[in-house]
C-alpha atoms as a PDB file:
ATOM      1  CA  MET A   1     102.349  79.606  93.838  1.00  0.00           C
ATOM      2  CA  ASN A   2      99.246  81.090  92.299  1.00  0.00           C
ATOM      3  CA  PRO A   3      98.462  84.539  93.792  1.00  0.00           C
ATOM      4  CA  ILE A   4      94.742  83.794  94.319  1.00  0.00           C
ATOM      5  CA  PRO A   5      95.226  80.936  96.841  1.00  0.00           C
ATOM      6  CA  ARG A   6      97.949  82.947  98.573  1.00  0.00           C
ATOM      7  CA  GLN A   7      95.654  85.944  98.985  1.00  0.00           C
ATOM      8  CA  TYR A   8      92.843  83.689 100.189  1.00  0.00           C
ATOM      9  CA  ARG A   9      95.098  82.161 102.843  1.00  0.00           C
ATOM     10  CA  ARG A  10      96.247  85.591 103.990  1.00  0.00           C
ATOM     11  CA  LEU A  11      92.648  86.793 104.290  1.00  0.00           C
ATOM     12  CA  ASP A  12      91.592  83.592 106.051  1.00  0.00           C
ATOM     13  CA  ASP A  13      94.456  83.879 108.556  1.00  0.00           C
ATOM     14  CA  TRP A  14      93.635  87.546 109.177  1.00  0.00           C
ATOM     15  CA  VAL A  15      89.947  86.799 109.813  1.00  0.00           C
ATOM     16  CA  ARG A  16      90.646  83.805 112.057  1.00  0.00           C
ATOM     17  CA  ASN A  17      93.071  85.841 114.189  1.00  0.00           C
ATOM     18  CA  ARG A  18      90.410  88.413 115.135  1.00  0.00           C
ATOM     19  CA  SER A  19      89.185  88.578 118.693  1.00  0.00           C
ATOM     20  CA  ARG A  20      85.791  87.167 119.549  1.00  0.00           C
ATOM     21  CA  LEU A  21      84.135  90.593 119.335  1.00  0.00           C
ATOM     22  CA  GLY A  22      86.084  91.548 116.220  1.00  0.00           C
ATOM     23  CA  TYR A  23      85.085  88.353 114.412  1.00  0.00           C
ATOM     24  CA  ALA A  24      81.422  88.753 115.373  1.00  0.00           C
ATOM     25  CA  SER A  25      81.467  92.403 114.287  1.00  0.00           C
ATOM     26  CA  LEU A  26      83.059  91.512 110.979  1.00  0.00           C
ATOM     27  CA  VAL A  27      80.474  88.802 110.281  1.00  0.00           C
ATOM     28  CA  GLY A  28      77.594  91.115 111.201  1.00  0.00           C
ATOM     29  CA  THR A  29      78.914  93.980 109.098  1.00  0.00           C
ATOM     30  CA  VAL A  30      79.618  91.860 106.033  1.00  0.00           C
ATOM     31  CA  SER A  31      76.250  90.129 106.212  1.00  0.00           C
ATOM     32  CA  ALA A  32      74.336  93.411 106.619  1.00  0.00           C
ATOM     33  CA  ALA A  33      76.265  95.047 103.775  1.00  0.00           C
ATOM     34  CA  SER A  34      75.662  92.048 101.512  1.00  0.00           C
ATOM     35  CA  TYR A  35      71.949  92.052 102.317  1.00  0.00           C
ATOM     36  CA  LEU A  36      71.775  95.780 101.572  1.00  0.00           C
ATOM     37  CA  LEU A  37      73.628  95.378  98.290  1.00  0.00           C
ATOM     38  CA  VAL A  38      71.464  92.541  97.003  1.00  0.00           C
ATOM     39  CA  GLY A  39      68.268  94.193  98.212  1.00  0.00           C
ATOM     40  CA  THR A  40      69.213  97.442  96.515  1.00  0.00           C
ATOM     41  CA  LEU A  41      69.996  95.643  93.265  1.00  0.00           C
ATOM     42  CA  PHE A  42      66.493  94.146  93.335  1.00  0.00           C
ATOM     43  CA  GLY A  43      64.964  97.531  94.161  1.00  0.00           C
ATOM     44  CA  ASP A  44      63.607  96.646  97.600  1.00  0.00           C
ATOM     45  CA  ARG A  45      63.760  98.668 100.812  1.00  0.00           C
ATOM     46  CA  VAL A  46      65.796  96.448 103.068  1.00  0.00           C
ATOM     47  CA  VAL A  47      67.494  98.718 105.586  1.00  0.00           C
ATOM     48  CA  VAL A  48      65.685  97.431 108.671  1.00  0.00           C
ATOM     49  CA  PRO A  49      65.936  93.716 107.735  1.00  0.00           C
ATOM     50  CA  ALA A  50      69.608  94.145 106.823  1.00  0.00           C
ATOM     51  CA  VAL A  51      70.449  95.757 110.148  1.00  0.00           C
ATOM     52  CA  ALA A  52      68.418  93.131 112.006  1.00  0.00           C
ATOM     53  CA  MET A  53      70.210  90.322 110.192  1.00  0.00           C
ATOM     54  CA  GLY A  54      73.620  91.879 110.845  1.00  0.00           C
ATOM     55  CA  LEU A  55      72.913  92.281 114.560  1.00  0.00           C
ATOM     56  CA  THR A  56      71.476  88.781 114.841  1.00  0.00           C
ATOM     57  CA  LEU A  57      74.389  87.089 113.085  1.00  0.00           C
ATOM     58  CA  GLY A  58      76.873  89.164 115.061  1.00  0.00           C
ATOM     59  CA  ALA A  59      75.233  88.130 118.331  1.00  0.00           C
ATOM     60  CA  LEU A  60      75.083  84.470 117.302  1.00  0.00           C
ATOM     61  CA  TYR A  61      78.729  84.405 116.253  1.00  0.00           C
ATOM     62  CA  TYR A  62      79.730  86.162 119.473  1.00  0.00           C
ATOM     63  CA  ALA A  63      77.766  83.659 121.560  1.00  0.00           C
ATOM     64  CA  SER A  64      78.992  80.562 119.721  1.00  0.00           C
ATOM     65  CA  ASN A  65      82.617  81.714 119.202  1.00  0.00           C
ATOM     66  CA  PRO A  66      83.394  79.491 116.183  1.00  0.00           C
ATOM     67  CA  ASN A  67      87.140  80.268 116.285  1.00  0.00           C
ATOM     68  CA  GLU A  68      87.569  78.881 119.789  1.00  0.00           C
ATOM     69  CA  SER A  69      90.304  76.273 120.052  1.00  0.00           C
ATOM     70  CA  ASP A  70      89.507  73.096 121.943  1.00  0.00           C
END
């Protein structure tokens, strides 16, 4: 098996097995860090919008709980 799909599956399983709070925190952190990275590359000051986006997405993912099994 190709190592790339295997690593993707391992990462996907690890993320999906997080608790509700852990998953929401991970989504918020990754989104805020990505926003900061892209904003910095473009030379903008994006600290406040990045933190706001991270908190908002974290709260939305916590409220909606997308990993919930039916």
